């Protein structure tokens, strides 16, 4: 999916998202392939869920949902996950559930980068 025009970042030349599904391993990978005209000052990937989220102590992966039937989201490159409850933003919802915003910041930034996440 070409997502280049979805963002107003002036230095972003190209952003292509690729979904890779391995049915034999029951695994989904999401790759975001970035190309910038200059090295970005910061970059953050974001995921949202209504499920409970636990960040691994290393910050390299997160568990979404219960241990028995949830999933693990892993980063394929160095960086750190964080989670923030969006309590105020969730007030208008009908169920009372709170949105959990999961972010990943890569350890190194470059003009060309591929960030990969596996579930």
PDB file of N, CA and C in Angstrom:
ATOM      1  N   UNK A   1       0.854  -1.154   0.000  1.00  0.00           N
ATOM      2  CA  UNK A   1       0.000   0.000   0.000  1.00  0.00           C
ATOM      3  C   UNK A   1       0.902   1.220   0.000  1.00  0.00           C
ATOM      4  N   UNK A   2       0.716   2.111  -0.952  1.00  0.00           N
ATOM      5  CA  UNK A   2       1.491   3.346  -0.984  1.00  0.00           C
ATOM      6  C   UNK A   2       0.816   4.357  -0.059  1.00  0.00           C
ATOM      7  N   UNK A   3       1.490   4.682   1.054  1.00  0.00           N
ATOM      8  CA  UNK A   3       0.929   5.595   2.053  1.00  0.00           C
ATOM      9  C   UNK A   3       1.658   6.935   2.069  1.00  0.00           C
ATOM     10  N   UNK A   4       2.424   7.219   1.044  1.00  0.00           N
ATOM     11  CA  UNK A   4       3.244   8.423   1.005  1.00  0.00           C
ATOM     12  C   UNK A   4       2.424   9.684   1.213  1.00  0.00           C
ATOM     13  N   UNK A   5       1.290   9.788   0.564  1.00  0.00           N
ATOM     14  CA  UNK A   5       0.497  11.010   0.615  1.00  0.00           C
ATOM     15  C   UNK A   5      -0.388  11.105   1.856  1.00  0.00           C
ATOM     16  N   UNK A   6      -0.343  10.117   2.715  1.00  0.00           N
ATOM     17  CA  UNK A   6      -1.157  10.130   3.934  1.00  0.00           C
ATOM     18  C   UNK A   6      -0.555  11.031   5.012  1.00  0.00           C
ATOM     19  N   UNK A   7       0.687  11.444   4.836  1.00  0.00           N
ATOM     20  CA  UNK A   7       1.378  12.242   5.842  1.00  0.00           C
ATOM     21  C   UNK A   7       1.897  13.532   5.226  1.00  0.00           C
ATOM     22  N   UNK A   8       1.867  14.604   6.008  1.00  0.00           N
ATOM     23  CA  UNK A   8       2.297  15.915   5.526  1.00  0.00           C
ATOM     24  C   UNK A   8       3.801  16.148   5.687  1.00  0.00           C
ATOM     25  N   UNK A   9       4.526  15.185   6.190  1.00  0.00           N
ATOM     26  CA  UNK A   9       5.973  15.318   6.407  1.00  0.00           C
ATOM     27  C   UNK A   9       6.656  15.652   5.073  1.00  0.00           C
ATOM     28  N   UNK A  10       7.294  16.807   5.008  1.00  0.00           N
ATOM     29  CA  UNK A  10       7.884  17.292   3.757  1.00  0.00           C
ATOM     30  C   UNK A  10       9.076  16.486   3.282  1.00  0.00           C
ATOM     31  N   UNK A  11       9.814  15.877   4.200  1.00  0.00           N
ATOM     32  CA  UNK A  11      10.997  15.112   3.800  1.00  0.00           C
ATOM     33  C   UNK A  11      10.654  13.670   3.398  1.00  0.00           C
ATOM     34  N   UNK A  12       9.406  13.256   3.572  1.00  0.00           N
ATOM     35  CA  UNK A  12       9.008  11.887   3.228  1.00  0.00           C
ATOM     36  C   UNK A  12       8.836  11.760   1.720  1.00  0.00           C
ATOM     37  N   UNK A  13       9.702  10.995   1.108  1.00  0.00           N
ATOM     38  CA  UNK A  13       9.611  10.749  -0.338  1.00  0.00           C
ATOM     39  C   UNK A  13       8.719   9.558  -0.654  1.00  0.00           C
ATOM     40  N   UNK A  14       8.793   8.534   0.214  1.00  0.00           N
ATOM     41  CA  UNK A  14       8.041   7.321  -0.059  1.00  0.00           C
ATOM     42  C   UNK A  14       7.782   6.561   1.238  1.00  0.00           C
ATOM     43  N   UNK A  15       6.563   6.051   1.371  1.00  0.00           N
ATOM     44  CA  UNK A  15       6.206   5.147   2.472  1.00  0.00           C
ATOM     45  C   UNK A  15       5.299   4.075   1.901  1.00  0.00           C
ATOM     46  N   UNK A  16       5.805   2.866   1.866  1.00  0.00           N
ATOM     47  CA  UNK A  16       5.054   1.727   1.338  1.00  0.00           C
ATOM     48  C   UNK A  16       4.892   0.704   2.446  1.00  0.00           C
ATOM     49  N   UNK A  17       3.652   0.284   2.678  1.00  0.00           N
ATOM     50  CA  UNK A  17       3.360  -0.739   3.685  1.00  0.00           C
ATOM     51  C   UNK A  17       3.078  -2.059   2.968  1.00  0.00           C
ATOM     52  N   UNK A  18       3.738  -3.111   3.453  1.00  0.00           N
ATOM     53  CA  UNK A  18       3.591  -4.448   2.879  1.00  0.00           C
ATOM     54  C   UNK A  18       3.119  -5.385   3.981  1.00  0.00           C
ATOM     55  N   UNK A  19       2.115  -6.198   3.681  1.00  0.00           N
ATOM     56  CA  UNK A  19       1.623  -7.226   4.608  1.00  0.00           C
ATOM     57  C   UNK A  19       2.106  -8.576   4.103  1.00  0.00           C
ATOM     58  N   UNK A  20       2.738  -9.335   4.974  1.00  0.00           N
ATOM     59  CA  UNK A  20       3.259 -10.656   4.626  1.00  0.00           C
ATOM     60  C   UNK A  20       2.628 -11.678   5.559  1.00  0.00           C
ATOM     61  N   UNK A  21       1.840 -12.586   4.995  1.00  0.00           N
ATOM     62  CA  UNK A  21       1.169 -13.597   5.809  1.00  0.00           C
ATOM     63  C   UNK A  21       1.764 -14.953   5.519  1.00  0.00           C
ATOM     64  N   UNK A  22       2.160 -15.654   6.577  1.00  0.00           N
ATOM     65  CA  UNK A  22       2.683 -17.015   6.466  1.00  0.00           C
ATOM     66  C   UNK A  22       1.654 -17.952   7.081  1.00  0.00           C
ATOM     67  N   UNK A  23       0.795 -18.570   6.263  1.00  0.00           N
ATOM     68  CA  UNK A  23      -0.273 -19.420   6.812  1.00  0.00           C
ATOM     69  C   UNK A  23       0.235 -20.676   7.503  1.00  0.00           C
ATOM     70  N   UNK A  24       1.417 -21.155   7.107  1.00  0.00           N
ATOM     71  CA  UNK A  24       1.929 -22.370   7.747  1.00  0.00           C
ATOM     72  C   UNK A  24       2.371 -22.096   9.179  1.00  0.00           C
ATOM     73  N   UNK A  25       2.831 -20.876   9.452  1.00  0.00           N
ATOM     74  CA  UNK A  25       3.260 -20.502  10.807  1.00  0.00           C
ATOM     75  C   UNK A  25       2.197 -19.680  11.526  1.00  0.00           C
ATOM     76  N   UNK A  26       1.092 -19.381  10.820  1.00  0.00           N
ATOM     77  CA  UNK A  26       0.030 -18.541  11.381  1.00  0.00           C
ATOM     78  C   UNK A  26       0.602 -17.219  11.881  1.00  0.00           C
ATOM     79  N   UNK A  27       1.399 -16.571  11.011  1.00  0.00           N
ATOM     80  CA  UNK A  27       2.118 -15.362  11.380  1.00  0.00           C
ATOM     81  C   UNK A  27       1.865 -14.264  10.341  1.00  0.00           C
ATOM     82  N   UNK A  28       1.685 -13.050  10.847  1.00  0.00           N
ATOM     83  CA  UNK A  28       1.521 -11.884   9.992  1.00  0.00           C
ATOM     84  C   UNK A  28       2.661 -10.912  10.277  1.00  0.00           C
ATOM     85  N   UNK A  29       3.271 -10.406   9.213  1.00  0.00           N
ATOM     86  CA  UNK A  29       4.301  -9.373   9.349  1.00  0.00           C
ATOM     87  C   UNK A  29       3.837  -8.133   8.592  1.00  0.00           C
ATOM     88  N   UNK A  30       4.125  -6.983   9.155  1.00  0.00           N
ATOM     89  CA  UNK A  30       3.841  -5.699   8.528  1.00  0.00           C
ATOM     90  C   UNK A  30       5.176  -4.995   8.362  1.00  0.00           C
ATOM     91  N   UNK A  31       5.472  -4.611   7.130  1.00  0.00           N
ATOM     92  CA  UNK A  31       6.709  -3.878   6.852  1.00  0.00           C
ATOM     93  C   UNK A  31       6.369  -2.487   6.348  1.00  0.00           C
ATOM     94  N   UNK A  32       6.972  -1.482   6.945  1.00  0.00           N
ATOM     95  CA  UNK A  32       6.862  -0.117   6.462  1.00  0.00           C
ATOM     96  C   UNK A  32       8.216   0.281   5.914  1.00  0.00           C
ATOM     97  N   UNK A  33       8.240   0.594   4.621  1.00  0.00           N
ATOM     98  CA  UNK A  33       9.478   0.942   3.930  1.00  0.00           C
ATOM     99  C   UNK A  33       9.488   2.450   3.688  1.00  0.00           C
ATOM    100  N   UNK A  34      10.387   3.125   4.381  1.00  0.00           N
ATOM    101  CA  UNK A  34      10.474   4.578   4.335  1.00  0.00           C
ATOM    102  C   UNK A  34      11.633   5.033   3.467  1.00  0.00           C
ATOM    103  N   UNK A  35      11.416   6.148   2.780  1.00  0.00           N
ATOM    104  CA  UNK A  35      12.502   6.855   2.113  1.00  0.00           C
ATOM    105  C   UNK A  35      12.271   8.348   2.350  1.00  0.00           C
ATOM    106  N   UNK A  36      13.298   9.004   2.906  1.00  0.00           N
ATOM    107  CA  UNK A  36      13.239  10.434   3.216  1.00  0.00           C
ATOM    108  C   UNK A  36      14.277  11.172   2.383  1.00  0.00           C
ATOM    109  N   UNK A  37      14.053  12.461   2.146  1.00  0.00           N
ATOM    110  CA  UNK A  37      15.058  13.277   1.455  1.00  0.00           C
ATOM    111  C   UNK A  37      16.180  13.676   2.417  1.00  0.00           C
ATOM    112  N   UNK A  38      15.890  13.671   3.719  1.00  0.00           N
ATOM    113  CA  UNK A  38      16.887  13.935   4.763  1.00  0.00           C
ATOM    114  C   UNK A  38      16.543  13.035   5.944  1.00  0.00           C
ATOM    115  N   UNK A  39      17.528  12.733   6.745  1.00  0.00           N
ATOM    116  CA  UNK A  39      17.295  11.863   7.900  1.00  0.00           C
ATOM    117  C   UNK A  39      16.251  12.509   8.821  1.00  0.00           C
ATOM    118  N   UNK A  40      15.198  11.780   9.178  1.00  0.00           N
ATOM    119  CA  UNK A  40      14.174  12.364  10.053  1.00  0.00           C
ATOM    120  C   UNK A  40      14.712  12.582  11.465  1.00  0.00           C
ATOM    121  N   UNK A  41      14.164  13.577  12.142  1.00  0.00           N
ATOM    122  CA  UNK A  41      14.563  13.840  13.528  1.00  0.00           C
ATOM    123  C   UNK A  41      13.950  12.830  14.483  1.00  0.00           C
ATOM    124  N   UNK A  42      12.751  12.355  14.137  1.00  0.00           N
ATOM    125  CA  UNK A  42      12.097  11.335  14.948  1.00  0.00           C
ATOM    126  C   UNK A  42      11.116  10.573  14.072  1.00  0.00           C
ATOM    127  N   UNK A  43      10.797   9.377  14.528  1.00  0.00           N
ATOM    128  CA  UNK A  43       9.845   8.528  13.818  1.00  0.00           C
ATOM    129  C   UNK A  43       9.185   7.633  14.843  1.00  0.00           C
ATOM    130  N   UNK A  44       7.895   7.442  14.689  1.00  0.00           N
ATOM    131  CA  UNK A  44       7.150   6.622  15.636  1.00  0.00           C
ATOM    132  C   UNK A  44       6.085   5.853  14.877  1.00  0.00           C
ATOM    133  N   UNK A  45       6.047   4.562  15.089  1.00  0.00           N
ATOM    134  CA  UNK A  45       4.969   3.722  14.557  1.00  0.00           C
ATOM    135  C   UNK A  45       3.926   3.608  15.650  1.00  0.00           C
ATOM    136  N   UNK A  46       2.651   3.512  15.293  1.00  0.00           N
ATOM    137  CA  UNK A  46       1.601   3.423  16.307  1.00  0.00           C
ATOM    138  C   UNK A  46       0.585   2.351  15.948  1.00  0.00           C
ATOM    139  N   UNK A  47       0.121   1.665  16.969  1.00  0.00           N
ATOM    140  CA  UNK A  47      -0.930   0.659  16.871  1.00  0.00           C
ATOM    141  C   UNK A  47      -1.938   0.978  17.971  1.00  0.00           C
ATOM    142  N   UNK A  48      -3.209   0.687  17.753  1.00  0.00           N
ATOM    143  CA  UNK A  48      -4.196   0.903  18.808  1.00  0.00           C
ATOM    144  C   UNK A  48      -5.024  -0.349  19.023  1.00  0.00           C
ATOM    145  N   UNK A  49      -5.507  -0.497  20.249  1.00  0.00           N
ATOM    146  CA  UNK A  49      -6.329  -1.643  20.616  1.00  0.00           C
ATOM    147  C   UNK A  49      -7.165  -1.283  21.832  1.00  0.00           C
ATOM    148  N   UNK A  50      -8.241  -2.027  22.031  1.00  0.00           N
ATOM    149  CA  UNK A  50      -9.020  -1.918  23.259  1.00  0.00           C
ATOM    150  C   UNK A  50      -8.597  -2.992  24.262  1.00  0.00           C
ATOM    151  N   UNK A  51      -7.735  -3.900  23.852  1.00  0.00           N
ATOM    152  CA  UNK A  51      -7.261  -4.983  24.714  1.00  0.00           C
ATOM    153  C   UNK A  51      -6.214  -4.463  25.706  1.00  0.00           C
ATOM    154  N   UNK A  52      -6.027  -5.211  26.774  1.00  0.00           N
ATOM    155  CA  UNK A  52      -4.944  -4.893  27.720  1.00  0.00           C
ATOM    156  C   UNK A  52      -3.610  -5.111  27.019  1.00  0.00           C
ATOM    157  N   UNK A  53      -2.634  -4.271  27.339  1.00  0.00           N
ATOM    158  CA  UNK A  53      -1.318  -4.352  26.711  1.00  0.00           C
ATOM    159  C   UNK A  53      -0.248  -4.401  27.796  1.00  0.00           C
ATOM    160  N   UNK A  54       0.703  -5.316  27.617  1.00  0.00           N
ATOM    161  CA  UNK A  54       1.842  -5.425  28.524  1.00  0.00           C
ATOM    162  C   UNK A  54       3.114  -5.293  27.707  1.00  0.00           C
ATOM    163  N   UNK A  55       3.958  -4.355  28.079  1.00  0.00           N
ATOM    164  CA  UNK A  55       5.241  -4.172  27.399  1.00  0.00           C
ATOM    165  C   UNK A  55       6.266  -5.074  28.070  1.00  0.00           C
ATOM    166  N   UNK A  56       6.983  -5.851  27.266  1.00  0.00           N
ATOM    167  CA  UNK A  56       8.074  -6.685  27.770  1.00  0.00           C
ATOM    168  C   UNK A  56       9.110  -5.790  28.444  1.00  0.00           C
ATOM    169  N   UNK A  57       9.805  -6.293  29.447  1.00  0.00           N
ATOM    170  CA  UNK A  57      10.779  -5.483  30.194  1.00  0.00           C
ATOM    171  C   UNK A  57      11.898  -4.950  29.320  1.00  0.00           C
ATOM    172  N   UNK A  58      12.189  -5.605  28.203  1.00  0.00           N
ATOM    173  CA  UNK A  58      13.221  -5.117  27.283  1.00  0.00           C
ATOM    174  C   UNK A  58      12.688  -4.027  26.354  1.00  0.00           C
ATOM    175  N   UNK A  59      11.363  -3.917  26.243  1.00  0.00           N
ATOM    176  CA  UNK A  59      10.751  -2.950  25.338  1.00  0.00           C
ATOM    177  C   UNK A  59      10.729  -3.386  23.896  1.00  0.00           C
ATOM    178  N   UNK A  60      11.182  -4.615  23.601  1.00  0.00           N
ATOM    179  CA  UNK A  60      11.261  -5.105  22.220  1.00  0.00           C
ATOM    180  C   UNK A  60       9.984  -5.769  21.726  1.00  0.00           C
ATOM    181  N   UNK A  61       9.047  -6.069  22.646  1.00  0.00           N
ATOM    182  CA  UNK A  61       7.786  -6.667  22.219  1.00  0.00           C
ATOM    183  C   UNK A  61       6.689  -6.313  23.213  1.00  0.00           C
ATOM    184  N   UNK A  62       5.446  -6.496  22.778  1.00  0.00           N
ATOM    185  CA  UNK A  62       4.298  -6.263  23.641  1.00  0.00           C
ATOM    186  C   UNK A  62       3.328  -7.427  23.514  1.00  0.00           C
ATOM    187  N   UNK A  63       2.632  -7.723  24.613  1.00  0.00           N
ATOM    188  CA  UNK A  63       1.556  -8.706  24.589  1.00  0.00           C
ATOM    189  C   UNK A  63       0.259  -7.927  24.557  1.00  0.00           C
ATOM    190  N   UNK A  64      -0.588  -8.271  23.585  1.00  0.00           N
ATOM    191  CA  UNK A  64      -1.892  -7.639  23.437  1.00  0.00           C
ATOM    192  C   UNK A  64      -2.946  -8.679  23.774  1.00  0.00           C
ATOM    193  N   UNK A  65      -3.757  -8.386  24.783  1.00  0.00           N
ATOM    194  CA  UNK A  65      -4.780  -9.324  25.218  1.00  0.00           C
ATOM    195  C   UNK A  65      -4.234 -10.291  26.248  1.00  0.00           C
ATOM    196  N   UNK A  66      -5.093 -11.236  26.659  1.00  0.00           N
ATOM    197  CA  UNK A  66      -4.679 -12.184  27.700  1.00  0.00           C
ATOM    198  C   UNK A  66      -3.628 -13.175  27.205  1.00  0.00           C
ATOM    199  N   UNK A  67      -2.854 -13.703  28.147  1.00  0.00           N
ATOM    200  CA  UNK A  67      -1.792 -14.664  27.819  1.00  0.00           C
ATOM    201  C   UNK A  67      -2.357 -15.900  27.112  1.00  0.00           C
ATOM    202  N   UNK A  68      -3.545 -16.314  27.483  1.00  0.00           N
ATOM    203  CA  UNK A  68      -4.114 -17.544  26.920  1.00  0.00           C
ATOM    204  C   UNK A  68      -4.503 -17.430  25.449  1.00  0.00           C
ATOM    205  N   UNK A  69      -5.010 -16.283  25.019  1.00  0.00           N
ATOM    206  CA  UNK A  69      -5.419 -16.183  23.616  1.00  0.00           C
ATOM    207  C   UNK A  69      -5.121 -14.812  23.005  1.00  0.00           C
ATOM    208  N   UNK A  70      -4.170 -14.072  23.576  1.00  0.00           N
ATOM    209  CA  UNK A  70      -3.758 -12.797  23.007  1.00  0.00           C
ATOM    210  C   UNK A  70      -2.697 -13.022  21.951  1.00  0.00           C
ATOM    211  N   UNK A  71      -2.031 -11.960  21.580  1.00  0.00           N
ATOM    212  CA  UNK A  71      -0.941 -12.095  20.614  1.00  0.00           C
ATOM    213  C   UNK A  71       0.251 -11.277  21.062  1.00  0.00           C
ATOM    214  N   UNK A  72       1.407 -11.613  20.493  1.00  0.00           N
ATOM    215  CA  UNK A  72       2.642 -10.894  20.788  1.00  0.00           C
ATOM    216  C   UNK A  72       3.035 -10.136  19.534  1.00  0.00           C
ATOM    217  N   UNK A  73       3.307  -8.848  19.705  1.00  0.00           N
ATOM    218  CA  UNK A  73       3.777  -7.984  18.628  1.00  0.00           C
ATOM    219  C   UNK A  73       5.256  -7.736  18.863  1.00  0.00           C
ATOM    220  N   UNK A  74       6.086  -8.124  17.878  1.00  0.00           N
ATOM    221  CA  UNK A  74       7.538  -7.995  18.002  1.00  0.00           C
ATOM    222  C   UNK A  74       8.081  -7.060  16.920  1.00  0.00           C
ATOM    223  N   UNK A  75       9.074  -6.290  17.298  1.00  0.00           N
ATOM    224  CA  UNK A  75       9.760  -5.426  16.337  1.00  0.00           C
ATOM    225  C   UNK A  75      10.928  -6.191  15.730  1.00  0.00           C
ATOM    226  N   UNK A  76      11.127  -6.002  14.447  1.00  0.00           N
ATOM    227  CA  UNK A  76      12.227  -6.658  13.760  1.00  0.00           C
ATOM    228  C   UNK A  76      13.501  -5.841  13.767  1.00  0.00           C
ATOM    229  N   UNK A  77      13.470  -4.688  14.397  1.00  0.00           N
ATOM    230  CA  UNK A  77      14.672  -3.856  14.481  1.00  0.00           C
ATOM    231  C   UNK A  77      14.780  -3.276  15.882  1.00  0.00           C
ATOM    232  N   UNK A  78      15.949  -2.766  16.189  1.00  0.00           N
ATOM    233  CA  UNK A  78      16.187  -2.204  17.519  1.00  0.00           C
ATOM    234  C   UNK A  78      15.314  -0.973  17.735  1.00  0.00           C
ATOM    235  N   UNK A  79      14.822  -0.869  18.934  1.00  0.00           N
ATOM    236  CA  UNK A  79      13.953   0.241  19.289  1.00  0.00           C
ATOM    237  C   UNK A  79      13.184  -0.104  20.544  1.00  0.00           C
ATOM    238  N   UNK A  80      12.158   0.681  20.834  1.00  0.00           N
ATOM    239  CA  UNK A  80      11.430   0.475  22.087  1.00  0.00           C
ATOM    240  C   UNK A  80       9.945   0.725  21.902  1.00  0.00           C
ATOM    241  N   UNK A  81       9.152  -0.225  22.442  1.00  0.00           N
ATOM    242  CA  UNK A  81       7.701  -0.063  22.516  1.00  0.00           C
ATOM    243  C   UNK A  81       7.340   0.681  23.790  1.00  0.00           C
ATOM    244  N   UNK A  82       6.248   1.426  23.718  1.00  0.00           N
ATOM    245  CA  UNK A  82       5.632   2.055  24.886  1.00  0.00           C
ATOM    246  C   UNK A  82       4.124   1.949  24.706  1.00  0.00           C
ATOM    247  N   UNK A  83       3.395   2.059  25.802  1.00  0.00           N
ATOM    248  CA  UNK A  83       1.928   2.036  25.718  1.00  0.00           C
ATOM    249  C   UNK A  83       1.372   3.162  26.573  1.00  0.00           C
ATOM    250  N   UNK A  84       0.287   3.760  26.083  1.00  0.00           N
ATOM    251  CA  UNK A  84      -0.374   4.845  26.805  1.00  0.00           C
ATOM    252  C   UNK A  84      -1.872   4.649  26.687  1.00  0.00           C
ATOM    253  N   UNK A  85      -2.562   4.709  27.814  1.00  0.00           N
ATOM    254  CA  UNK A  85      -4.020   4.634  27.820  1.00  0.00           C
ATOM    255  C   UNK A  85      -4.574   5.989  27.397  1.00  0.00           C
ATOM    256  N   UNK A  86      -5.436   6.006  26.395  1.00  0.00           N
ATOM    257  CA  UNK A  86      -6.040   7.244  25.907  1.00  0.00           C
ATOM    258  C   UNK A  86      -7.414   7.421  26.561  1.00  0.00           C
ATOM    259  N   UNK A  87      -7.393   7.685  27.832  1.00  0.00           N
ATOM    260  CA  UNK A  87      -8.608   7.762  28.634  1.00  0.00           C
ATOM    261  C   UNK A  87      -9.539   8.867  28.144  1.00  0.00           C
ATOM    262  N   UNK A  88      -9.031  10.053  28.005  1.00  0.00           N
ATOM    263  CA  UNK A  88      -9.857  11.186  27.583  1.00  0.00           C
ATOM    264  C   UNK A  88     -10.440  10.964  26.189  1.00  0.00           C
ATOM    265  N   UNK A  89      -9.619  10.475  25.277  1.00  0.00           N
ATOM    266  CA  UNK A  89     -10.063  10.229  23.906  1.00  0.00           C
ATOM    267  C   UNK A  89     -11.097   9.123  23.827  1.00  0.00           C
ATOM    268  N   UNK A  90     -11.161   8.251  24.821  1.00  0.00           N
ATOM    269  CA  UNK A  90     -12.072   7.111  24.826  1.00  0.00           C
ATOM    270  C   UNK A  90     -13.440   7.439  25.426  1.00  0.00           C
ATOM    271  N   UNK A  91     -13.602   8.605  26.005  1.00  0.00           N
ATOM    272  CA  UNK A  91     -14.847   8.950  26.718  1.00  0.00           C
ATOM    273  C   UNK A  91     -16.090   8.914  25.845  1.00  0.00           C
ATOM    274  N   UNK A  92     -15.960   9.191  24.563  1.00  0.00           N
ATOM    275  CA  UNK A  92     -17.114   9.210  23.680  1.00  0.00           C
ATOM    276  C   UNK A  92     -17.531   7.820  23.200  1.00  0.00           C
ATOM    277  N   UNK A  93     -16.748   6.815  23.514  1.00  0.00           N
ATOM    278  CA  UNK A  93     -17.078   5.460  23.095  1.00  0.00           C
ATOM    279  C   UNK A  93     -18.313   4.936  23.805  1.00  0.00           C
ATOM    280  N   UNK A  94     -18.962   3.986  23.200  1.00  0.00           N
ATOM    281  CA  UNK A  94     -20.206   3.432  23.749  1.00  0.00           C
ATOM    282  C   UNK A  94     -19.985   2.364  24.806  1.00  0.00           C
ATOM    283  N   UNK A  95     -18.829   1.717  24.774  1.00  0.00           N
ATOM    284  CA  UNK A  95     -18.621   0.566  25.662  1.00  0.00           C
ATOM    285  C   UNK A  95     -17.913   0.902  26.960  1.00  0.00           C
ATOM    286  N   UNK A  96     -17.307   2.063  27.052  1.00  0.00           N
ATOM    287  CA  UNK A  96     -16.519   2.411  28.227  1.00  0.00           C
ATOM    288  C   UNK A  96     -15.105   1.874  28.171  1.00  0.00           C
ATOM    289  N   UNK A  97     -14.770   1.134  27.101  1.00  0.00           N
ATOM    290  CA  UNK A  97     -13.414   0.600  26.956  1.00  0.00           C
ATOM    291  C   UNK A  97     -12.439   1.737  26.656  1.00  0.00           C
ATOM    292  N   UNK A  98     -11.225   1.592  27.148  1.00  0.00           N
ATOM    293  CA  UNK A  98     -10.199   2.610  26.962  1.00  0.00           C
ATOM    294  C   UNK A  98      -9.246   2.174  25.852  1.00  0.00           C
ATOM    295  N   UNK A  99      -9.001   3.072  24.922  1.00  0.00           N
ATOM    296  CA  UNK A  99      -8.070   2.804  23.827  1.00  0.00           C
ATOM    297  C   UNK A  99      -6.649   2.766  24.389  1.00  0.00           C
ATOM    298  N   UNK A 100      -5.900   1.747  23.998  1.00  0.00           N
ATOM    299  CA  UNK A 100      -4.489   1.625  24.345  1.00  0.00           C
ATOM    300  C   UNK A 100      -3.685   1.966  23.088  1.00  0.00           C
ATOM    301  N   UNK A 101      -2.828   2.966  23.175  1.00  0.00           N
ATOM    302  CA  UNK A 101      -1.992   3.362  22.037  1.00  0.00           C
ATOM    303  C   UNK A 101      -0.591   2.808  22.262  1.00  0.00           C
ATOM    304  N   UNK A 102      -0.203   1.921  21.367  1.00  0.00           N
ATOM    305  CA  UNK A 102       1.118   1.288  21.425  1.00  0.00           C
ATOM    306  C   UNK A 102       2.007   2.021  20.428  1.00  0.00           C
ATOM    307  N   UNK A 103       3.156   2.497  20.874  1.00  0.00           N
ATOM    308  CA  UNK A 103       4.080   3.160  19.960  1.00  0.00           C
ATOM    309  C   UNK A 103       5.419   2.427  19.947  1.00  0.00           C
ATOM    310  N   UNK A 104       6.088   2.541  18.817  1.00  0.00           N
ATOM    311  CA  UNK A 104       7.427   1.990  18.671  1.00  0.00           C
ATOM    312  C   UNK A 104       8.313   3.072  18.076  1.00  0.00           C
ATOM    313  N   UNK A 105       9.410   3.359  18.737  1.00  0.00           N
ATOM    314  CA  UNK A 105      10.406   4.309  18.241  1.00  0.00           C
ATOM    315  C   UNK A 105      11.676   3.539  17.922  1.00  0.00           C
ATOM    316  N   UNK A 106      12.130   3.583  16.663  1.00  0.00           N
ATOM    317  CA  UNK A 106      13.368   2.873  16.321  1.00  0.00           C
ATOM    318  C   UNK A 106      14.578   3.506  16.989  1.00  0.00           C
ATOM    319  N   UNK A 107      15.568   2.684  17.282  1.00  0.00           N
ATOM    320  CA  UNK A 107      16.786   3.157  17.941  1.00  0.00           C
ATOM    321  C   UNK A 107      17.630   4.035  17.024  1.00  0.00           C
ATOM    322  N   UNK A 108      17.616   3.722  15.736  1.00  0.00           N
ATOM    323  CA  UNK A 108      18.413   4.476  14.764  1.00  0.00           C
ATOM    324  C   UNK A 108      17.513   4.978  13.645  1.00  0.00           C
ATOM    325  N   UNK A 109      17.797   6.188  13.202  1.00  0.00           N
ATOM    326  CA  UNK A 109      17.054   6.780  12.091  1.00  0.00           C
ATOM    327  C   UNK A 109      17.981   6.942  10.900  1.00  0.00           C
ATOM    328  N   UNK A 110      17.407   6.802   9.690  1.00  0.00           N
ATOM    329  CA  UNK A 110      18.193   6.925   8.467  1.00  0.00           C
ATOM    330  C   UNK A 110      17.282   7.427   7.347  1.00  0.00           C
ATOM    331  N   UNK A 111      17.885   7.822   6.249  1.00  0.00           N
ATOM    332  CA  UNK A 111      17.088   8.300   5.110  1.00  0.00           C
ATOM    333  C   UNK A 111      16.267   7.180   4.495  1.00  0.00           C
ATOM    334  N   UNK A 112      16.783   5.957   4.517  1.00  0.00           N
ATOM    335  CA  UNK A 112      16.042   4.790   4.038  1.00  0.00           C
ATOM    336  C   UNK A 112      15.966   3.786   5.176  1.00  0.00           C
ATOM    337  N   UNK A 113      14.761   3.372   5.512  1.00  0.00           N
ATOM    338  CA  UNK A 113      14.560   2.436   6.622  1.00  0.00           C
ATOM    339  C   UNK A 113      13.406   1.501   6.295  1.00  0.00           C
ATOM    340  N   UNK A 114      13.503   0.303   6.826  1.00  0.00           N
ATOM    341  CA  UNK A 114      12.381  -0.637   6.810  1.00  0.00           C
ATOM    342  C   UNK A 114      12.130  -1.067   8.245  1.00  0.00           C
ATOM    343  N   UNK A 115      10.921  -0.831   8.707  1.00  0.00           N
ATOM    344  CA  UNK A 115      10.523  -1.288  10.036  1.00  0.00           C
ATOM    345  C   UNK A 115       9.579  -2.453   9.843  1.00  0.00           C
ATOM    346  N   UNK A 116       9.853  -3.548  10.556  1.00  0.00           N
ATOM    347  CA  UNK A 116       9.067  -4.785  10.403  1.00  0.00           C
ATOM    348  C   UNK A 116       8.524  -5.178  11.768  1.00  0.00           C
ATOM    349  N   UNK A 117       7.261  -5.557  11.767  1.00  0.00           N
ATOM    350  CA  UNK A 117       6.587  -5.999  12.982  1.00  0.00           C
ATOM    351  C   UNK A 117       5.918  -7.338  12.687  1.00  0.00           C
ATOM    352  N   UNK A 118       6.098  -8.294  13.618  1.00  0.00           N
ATOM    353  CA  UNK A 118       5.496  -9.621  13.455  1.00  0.00           C
ATOM    354  C   UNK A 118       4.506  -9.881  14.556  1.00  0.00           C
ATOM    355  N   UNK A 119       3.422 -10.517  14.167  1.00  0.00           N
ATOM    356  CA  UNK A 119       2.377 -10.913  15.110  1.00  0.00           C
ATOM    357  C   UNK A 119       2.131 -12.392  14.970  1.00  0.00           C
TER     358      UNK A 119
END
